[in-house]
Amino acid sequence: MDEPSAALAHDEVANLFRVIRDLTSQGVAVIYISHRLEEIREIGDRVTVLKDGRTVAVGLAAKDTPTSQIVALMTGRNVEYVFPPRPDGGAHEGRPEVLRVENLTLAGRFEQVSFSIRAGEIVGLAGLVGSGRSEIVEAIYGARRASGRVVLDGRVVRPGSTTRAVRMGMGLAPEERKAQALLLDHPVAQNITLASLGRYTRPRWLGWLDRRAEMAEATRLAQALDIRPPDPRRPIRTLSGGNQQKAVLGRWLAEDRKLLLLDEPTRGVDVGARAELYALVRRLADDGIGVLLVSSEVPEVLGLADRVLVVREGRIVHEAPAEDLDEHQVLDLVMVS
């Protein structure tokens, strides 16, 4: 089972574990692959750890091996501080708004959604699967036609036009990167340059692609993002989930961006690559890019975001600085009927 819980809610994971235990009681052997180490410890008997395509540990007792030991084996180092430090409270006050959403509504999905994001601010959307988080992000990007207003850097974004959203400075890392973001059989380079091909056409009106210029820019971005293996000609399907996600983010760095929409950016990503992605997102925010973050993992939202919007049944029901919330408070807010 390869990442079987990636898209499951908490109660659905419990049902999955019940099925697995039923299978193993009947003598069925299970190989369970997951980046969620707490699941490995709960459902596993023995743990094998891989790093860079090689086995580094075999036969560890799942319940008795500290998580820190598994992390160190996976990454080759101790990862003590996963989340980078956030700016002091109020650091974004006075900065210009990069995004304003006013009364965004899509029947049956979400309604009367209003919020803003300032330059350099990371805003998290917390909620259960099916609460409308991803649909809100897709509507802002123009992939869904909703009523209301989306204003990016002072200009209204045309509803239902992803092309205009990109041209205005918006970028999206969608929920399912393999199905929605990547050309899996194409090289890393072409996946990175996909959103900025106009930069590499000579002359622009004729549309001939300058492959040398494209490869040079892709190589620069791949090195800056520390994509491994460091070969932009390699098919992107051969990379790990973390390195694939770096390429998706790198796609939006070839040109100036005002806003990045990140929907489940660390799904299927191991703990070491997660730390690198968190540092990258914070670095982009420090450079003045606004970030809207969606994650099913509440600790991720609380650890990375500056401000949190809690979504329940298509409505924003609470807003607060991330440092003023804890996991239990957020779960109480999303679960109240």
Protein backbone atom coordinates (compact mmCIF):
# COMPACT_ATOMS: atom_id res chain seq x y z
CA MET A 1 0.00 0.00 0.00
CA ASP A 2 1.68 3.18 -1.24
CA GLU A 3 0.50 6.30 0.62
CA PRO A 4 -3.01 4.86 1.10
CA SER A 5 -4.01 7.55 3.61
CA ALA A 6 -2.82 10.59 1.64
CA ALA A 7 -6.33 11.81 0.77
CA LEU A 8 -8.20 10.36 3.76
CA ALA A 9 -9.74 12.16 6.71
CA HIS A 10 -8.91 11.05 10.26
CA ASP A 11 -11.93 8.76 10.68
CA GLU A 12 -11.29 7.21 7.26
CA VAL A 13 -7.71 6.38 8.28
CA ALA A 14 -9.10 4.55 11.32
CA ASN A 15 -11.29 2.47 8.97
CA LEU A 16 -8.28 1.76 6.76
CA PHE A 17 -6.31 0.50 9.76
CA ARG A 18 -9.23 -1.71 10.77
CA VAL A 19 -9.20 -3.31 7.32
CA ILE A 20 -5.42 -3.80 7.45
CA ARG A 21 -5.60 -5.46 10.87
CA ASP A 22 -8.38 -7.72 9.60
CA LEU A 23 -6.20 -8.73 6.65
CA THR A 24 -3.11 -9.42 8.75
CA SER A 25 -5.15 -11.52 11.20
CA GLN A 26 -5.96 -13.75 8.23
CA GLY A 27 -2.29 -14.20 7.40
CA VAL A 28 -1.94 -11.52 4.70
CA ALA A 29 1.39 -9.68 4.72
CA VAL A 30 1.25 -5.92 4.15
CA ILE A 31 3.92 -3.47 3.01
CA TYR A 32 2.74 -0.03 4.11
CA ILE A 33 4.51 3.00 2.59
CA SER A 34 3.84 6.41 4.14
CA HIS A 35 5.53 9.73 4.87
CA ARG A 36 3.33 10.01 7.98
CA LEU A 37 5.59 8.46 10.59
CA GLU A 38 2.89 8.34 13.25
CA GLU A 39 0.93 5.96 11.00
CA ILE A 40 3.95 3.72 10.55
CA ARG A 41 4.33 3.51 14.32
CA GLU A 42 0.63 2.76 14.84
CA ILE A 43 0.03 0.15 12.14
CA GLY A 44 3.51 -1.30 11.55
CA ASP A 45 5.34 -4.22 13.16
CA ARG A 46 8.77 -3.69 11.58
CA VAL A 47 10.20 -0.69 9.74
CA THR A 48 12.60 -0.54 6.79
CA VAL A 49 14.07 2.89 6.07
CA LEU A 50 15.19 4.04 2.62
CA LYS A 51 17.36 7.05 1.78
CA ASP A 52 18.28 8.12 -1.76
CA GLY A 53 17.20 4.76 -3.18
CA ARG A 54 19.20 2.67 -0.70
CA THR A 55 18.23 0.65 2.37
CA VAL A 56 19.72 2.24 5.50
CA ALA A 57 17.86 0.27 8.21
CA VAL A 58 15.92 -3.01 8.40
CA GLY A 59 13.78 -4.63 11.08
CA LEU A 60 13.30 -1.68 13.43
CA ALA A 61 10.51 -2.22 15.93
CA ALA A 62 7.81 0.22 14.84
CA LYS A 63 6.43 1.01 18.28
CA ASP A 64 9.78 1.17 20.08
CA THR A 65 11.89 3.18 17.62
CA PRO A 66 11.78 6.95 18.31
CA THR A 67 10.48 9.09 15.49
CA SER A 68 13.63 11.23 15.72
CA GLN A 69 15.75 8.15 14.96
CA ILE A 70 13.70 7.31 11.86
CA VAL A 71 13.89 10.93 10.68
CA ALA A 72 17.67 10.98 11.14
CA LEU A 73 18.02 7.76 9.12
CA MET A 74 15.78 9.12 6.32
CA THR A 75 17.51 12.48 6.02
CA GLY A 76 21.07 11.79 7.15
CA ARG A 77 20.76 14.51 9.77
CA ASN A 78 18.73 15.50 12.79
CA VAL A 79 15.72 17.60 11.79
CA GLU A 80 14.86 19.37 15.00
CA TYR A 81 13.20 22.51 13.70
CA VAL A 82 10.95 21.56 10.81
CA PHE A 83 9.22 24.93 10.47
CA PRO A 84 11.30 28.05 9.78
CA PRO A 85 10.79 30.95 12.17
CA ARG A 86 7.94 33.26 11.24
CA PRO A 87 8.20 37.06 11.40
CA ASP A 88 7.14 38.84 14.55
CA GLY A 89 3.42 39.45 14.93
CA GLY A 90 2.29 42.50 13.03
CA ALA A 91 5.25 42.37 10.64
CA HIS A 92 2.87 42.50 7.67
CA GLU A 93 0.87 45.48 8.88
CA GLY A 94 1.19 48.37 6.46
CA ARG A 95 2.34 46.18 3.56
CA PRO A 96 0.25 46.37 0.38
CA GLU A 97 -2.49 43.84 -0.25
CA VAL A 98 -1.64 41.36 -2.97
CA LEU A 99 -5.01 39.58 -2.81
CA ARG A 100 -8.52 40.60 -1.80
CA VAL A 101 -11.40 38.14 -2.05
CA GLU A 102 -14.89 39.59 -1.66
CA ASN A 103 -18.04 37.50 -1.19
CA LEU A 104 -16.78 34.64 -3.36
CA THR A 105 -19.63 32.14 -3.84
CA LEU A 106 -20.06 28.92 -5.79
CA ALA A 107 -23.40 27.19 -5.23
CA GLY A 108 -23.08 23.91 -3.38
CA ARG A 109 -19.34 24.43 -2.72
CA PHE A 110 -18.74 27.61 -0.70
CA GLU A 111 -20.41 30.96 -0.05
CA GLN A 112 -19.64 34.51 1.07
CA VAL A 113 -15.89 33.89 1.35
CA SER A 114 -13.99 37.12 2.03
CA PHE A 115 -10.39 37.66 3.14
CA SER A 116 -7.16 39.38 2.11
CA ILE A 117 -3.43 38.57 1.95
CA ARG A 118 -0.65 41.11 2.28
CA ALA A 119 2.72 41.00 0.56
CA GLY A 120 4.99 38.47 2.27
CA GLU A 121 2.18 36.93 4.31
CA ILE A 122 1.36 33.21 4.44
CA VAL A 123 -2.35 32.59 5.08
CA GLY A 124 -3.50 29.04 5.81
CA LEU A 125 -6.89 27.48 5.06
CA ALA A 126 -7.66 24.80 7.65
CA GLY A 127 -10.63 22.46 7.35
CA LEU A 128 -11.79 18.93 6.72
CA VAL A 129 -11.58 17.23 3.35
CA GLY A 130 -14.70 18.34 1.47
CA SER A 131 -15.07 21.61 3.38
CA GLY A 132 -14.53 23.65 0.20
CA ARG A 133 -10.88 24.64 0.68
CA SER A 134 -9.59 23.39 -2.69
CA GLU A 135 -12.62 24.75 -4.51
CA ILE A 136 -11.96 28.22 -3.04
CA VAL A 137 -8.37 28.09 -4.28
CA GLU A 138 -9.45 26.92 -7.74
CA ALA A 139 -12.01 29.74 -7.98
CA ILE A 140 -9.41 32.35 -7.05
CA TYR A 141 -7.14 30.94 -9.76
CA GLY A 142 -9.96 31.00 -12.30
CA ALA A 143 -10.34 27.25 -12.72
CA ARG A 144 -13.91 27.52 -11.36
CA ARG A 145 -16.34 30.29 -12.28
CA ALA A 146 -17.71 31.81 -9.07
CA SER A 147 -19.55 35.00 -8.23
CA GLY A 148 -17.95 37.71 -6.13
CA ARG A 149 -14.67 39.56 -6.71
CA VAL A 150 -11.01 38.53 -6.74
CA VAL A 151 -8.57 41.44 -6.78
CA LEU A 152 -4.87 40.75 -7.37
CA ASP A 153 -2.44 43.61 -6.75
CA GLY A 154 -5.22 46.14 -7.28
CA ARG A 155 -6.63 44.61 -10.48
CA VAL A 156 -9.77 42.52 -10.79
CA VAL A 157 -9.17 38.94 -11.91
CA ARG A 158 -11.62 37.86 -14.60
CA PRO A 159 -13.78 34.93 -13.36
CA GLY A 160 -12.98 31.64 -15.06
CA SER A 161 -9.76 32.82 -16.74
CA THR A 162 -6.65 30.99 -15.55
CA THR A 163 -4.65 32.57 -18.39
CA ARG A 164 -5.35 36.08 -17.10
CA ALA A 165 -4.60 35.01 -13.52
CA VAL A 166 -1.16 33.72 -14.54
CA ARG A 167 -0.40 36.82 -16.61
CA MET A 168 -1.33 39.01 -13.64
CA GLY A 169 1.16 37.21 -11.38
CA MET A 170 -0.66 34.26 -9.81
CA GLY A 171 0.68 30.71 -9.59
CA LEU A 172 -0.89 27.43 -8.46
CA ALA A 173 0.55 24.20 -7.07
CA PRO A 174 -2.56 21.98 -7.27
CA GLU A 175 -3.66 19.24 -4.91
CA GLU A 176 -2.75 16.32 -7.21
CA ARG A 177 0.60 17.21 -8.75
CA LYS A 178 0.91 14.08 -10.90
CA ALA A 179 -2.56 14.40 -12.42
CA GLN A 180 -2.88 18.20 -12.47
CA ALA A 181 0.58 19.77 -12.59
CA LEU A 182 3.23 17.54 -14.16
CA LEU A 183 4.05 16.18 -17.60
CA LEU A 184 5.38 12.95 -16.15
CA ASP A 185 7.15 11.63 -19.25
CA HIS A 186 8.84 14.97 -19.99
CA PRO A 187 12.14 16.21 -18.54
CA VAL A 188 12.44 18.24 -15.38
CA ALA A 189 13.46 21.25 -17.50
CA GLN A 190 10.25 21.32 -19.54
CA ASN A 191 8.13 20.97 -16.41
CA ILE A 192 9.89 23.96 -14.83
CA THR A 193 9.57 26.22 -17.89
CA LEU A 194 6.00 25.24 -18.76
CA ALA A 195 4.41 28.46 -17.49
CA SER A 196 6.98 30.84 -19.02
CA LEU A 197 7.65 29.55 -22.54
CA GLY A 198 7.18 33.03 -23.95
CA ARG A 199 10.54 34.01 -22.42
CA TYR A 200 12.34 31.49 -24.60
CA THR A 201 10.76 32.08 -28.03
CA ARG A 202 12.87 33.79 -30.69
CA PRO A 203 11.29 35.88 -32.14
CA ARG A 204 8.25 36.01 -29.86
CA TRP A 205 5.77 36.63 -32.68
CA LEU A 206 6.94 33.53 -34.55
CA GLY A 207 7.02 31.21 -31.55
CA TRP A 208 10.27 29.33 -32.19
CA LEU A 209 11.56 27.92 -28.92
CA ASP A 210 15.17 28.66 -27.96
CA ARG A 211 16.02 25.33 -26.33
CA ARG A 212 19.40 26.54 -25.14
CA ALA A 213 17.92 29.50 -23.27
CA GLU A 214 15.16 27.28 -21.87
CA MET A 215 17.66 24.70 -20.59
CA ALA A 216 19.91 27.37 -19.07
CA GLU A 217 17.02 28.86 -17.08
CA ALA A 218 15.74 25.44 -16.00
CA THR A 219 19.23 24.44 -14.85
CA ARG A 220 19.57 27.65 -12.85
CA LEU A 221 16.24 27.14 -11.09
CA ALA A 222 16.88 23.43 -10.47
CA GLN A 223 20.19 24.29 -8.81
CA ALA A 224 18.63 27.09 -6.78
CA LEU A 225 15.91 24.72 -5.55
CA ASP A 226 18.39 21.86 -4.98
CA ILE A 227 16.36 19.44 -7.11
CA ARG A 228 17.93 15.98 -6.91
CA PRO A 229 19.26 14.26 -8.96
CA PRO A 230 20.73 17.49 -10.47
CA ASP A 231 19.88 16.57 -14.07
CA PRO A 232 17.22 18.75 -15.74
CA ARG A 233 17.06 16.32 -18.69
CA ARG A 234 15.86 13.48 -16.49
CA PRO A 235 12.15 12.45 -16.82
CA ILE A 236 10.33 14.01 -13.90
CA ARG A 237 8.43 10.81 -13.09
CA THR A 238 11.74 9.32 -11.84
CA LEU A 239 12.10 11.95 -9.10
CA SER A 240 10.84 11.66 -5.54
CA GLY A 241 7.65 13.44 -4.51
CA GLY A 242 9.57 16.21 -2.78
CA ASN A 243 11.72 16.95 -5.81
CA GLN A 244 8.70 16.85 -8.11
CA GLN A 245 7.02 19.43 -5.89
CA LYS A 246 10.11 21.65 -5.99
CA ALA A 247 9.84 21.61 -9.79
CA VAL A 248 6.16 22.62 -9.58
CA LEU A 249 7.11 25.59 -7.36
CA GLY A 250 10.09 26.40 -9.58
CA ARG A 251 7.70 26.77 -12.51
CA TRP A 252 6.40 30.00 -10.97
CA LEU A 253 9.78 31.49 -10.13
CA ALA A 254 10.96 32.10 -13.70
CA GLU A 255 8.85 35.26 -13.75
CA ASP A 256 7.72 37.66 -11.02
CA ARG A 257 4.82 36.32 -8.97
CA LYS A 258 2.55 38.28 -6.66
CA LEU A 259 0.70 35.30 -5.20
CA LEU A 260 1.22 31.54 -4.86
CA LEU A 261 -1.68 29.17 -4.18
CA LEU A 262 -0.40 25.97 -2.56
CA ASP A 263 -2.91 23.13 -2.24
CA GLU A 264 -1.54 20.21 -0.16
CA PRO A 265 2.07 21.11 -1.07
CA THR A 266 3.64 18.31 0.99
CA ARG A 267 1.29 15.42 0.18
CA GLY A 268 3.39 12.30 -0.42
CA VAL A 269 6.61 14.08 0.59
CA ASP A 270 9.06 12.66 3.13
CA VAL A 271 9.99 14.54 6.29
CA GLY A 272 13.36 15.77 5.06
CA ALA A 273 11.95 17.18 1.82
CA ARG A 274 9.10 18.72 3.82
CA ALA A 275 11.57 20.77 5.85
CA GLU A 276 13.16 21.98 2.60
CA LEU A 277 9.78 22.90 1.11
CA TYR A 278 8.77 24.78 4.27
CA ALA A 279 12.02 26.77 4.14
CA LEU A 280 11.45 27.52 0.45
CA VAL A 281 7.88 28.76 1.02
CA ARG A 282 9.01 30.99 3.88
CA ARG A 283 11.87 32.33 1.75
CA LEU A 284 9.43 33.22 -1.05
CA ALA A 285 7.21 35.01 1.47
CA ASP A 286 10.22 36.90 2.81
CA ASP A 287 10.82 38.07 -0.76
CA GLY A 288 7.35 39.66 -0.76
CA ILE A 289 5.19 36.97 -2.39
CA GLY A 290 1.79 36.37 -0.80
CA VAL A 291 0.97 32.70 -0.13
CA LEU A 292 -2.37 30.95 0.34
CA LEU A 293 -1.75 27.52 1.87
CA VAL A 294 -4.21 24.61 2.02
CA SER A 295 -3.34 21.51 4.03
CA SER A 296 -5.27 18.66 5.62
CA GLU A 297 -2.61 18.49 8.33
CA VAL A 298 -3.44 21.06 11.00
CA PRO A 299 0.11 21.13 12.48
CA GLU A 300 1.42 22.09 9.03
CA VAL A 301 -0.99 25.02 8.73
CA LEU A 302 -0.23 26.22 12.26
CA GLY A 303 3.52 25.80 11.86
CA LEU A 304 3.94 27.49 8.48
CA ALA A 305 1.17 30.10 8.20
CA ASP A 306 1.18 33.57 9.73
CA ARG A 307 -2.62 33.73 9.86
CA VAL A 308 -5.21 30.94 9.73
CA LEU A 309 -8.71 30.87 8.27
CA VAL A 310 -10.83 27.96 9.46
CA VAL A 311 -13.26 26.67 6.82
CA ARG A 312 -16.32 24.59 7.66
CA GLU A 313 -18.98 23.56 5.13
CA GLY A 314 -17.92 26.20 2.63
CA ARG A 315 -17.75 29.13 5.04
CA ILE A 316 -14.91 30.83 6.92
CA VAL A 317 -15.94 30.41 10.55
CA HIS A 318 -12.85 31.72 12.33
CA GLU A 319 -9.75 33.82 11.67
CA ALA A 320 -6.74 34.27 13.95
CA PRO A 321 -2.95 34.57 13.97
CA ALA A 322 -1.46 31.07 13.79
CA GLU A 323 0.43 31.58 17.05
CA ASP A 324 -2.90 32.12 18.88
CA LEU A 325 -4.30 28.70 17.89
CA ASP A 326 -3.49 25.11 18.70
CA GLU A 327 -4.45 21.87 16.99
CA HIS A 328 -7.29 21.06 19.37
CA GLN A 329 -8.90 24.47 18.91
CA VAL A 330 -8.83 24.13 15.13
CA LEU A 331 -10.28 20.61 15.23
CA ASP A 332 -13.06 21.80 17.53
CA LEU A 333 -13.89 24.59 15.07
CA VAL A 334 -14.00 22.34 11.99
CA MET A 335 -15.97 19.58 13.72
CA VAL A 336 -18.75 21.65 15.29
CA SER A 337 -22.06 20.88 13.59
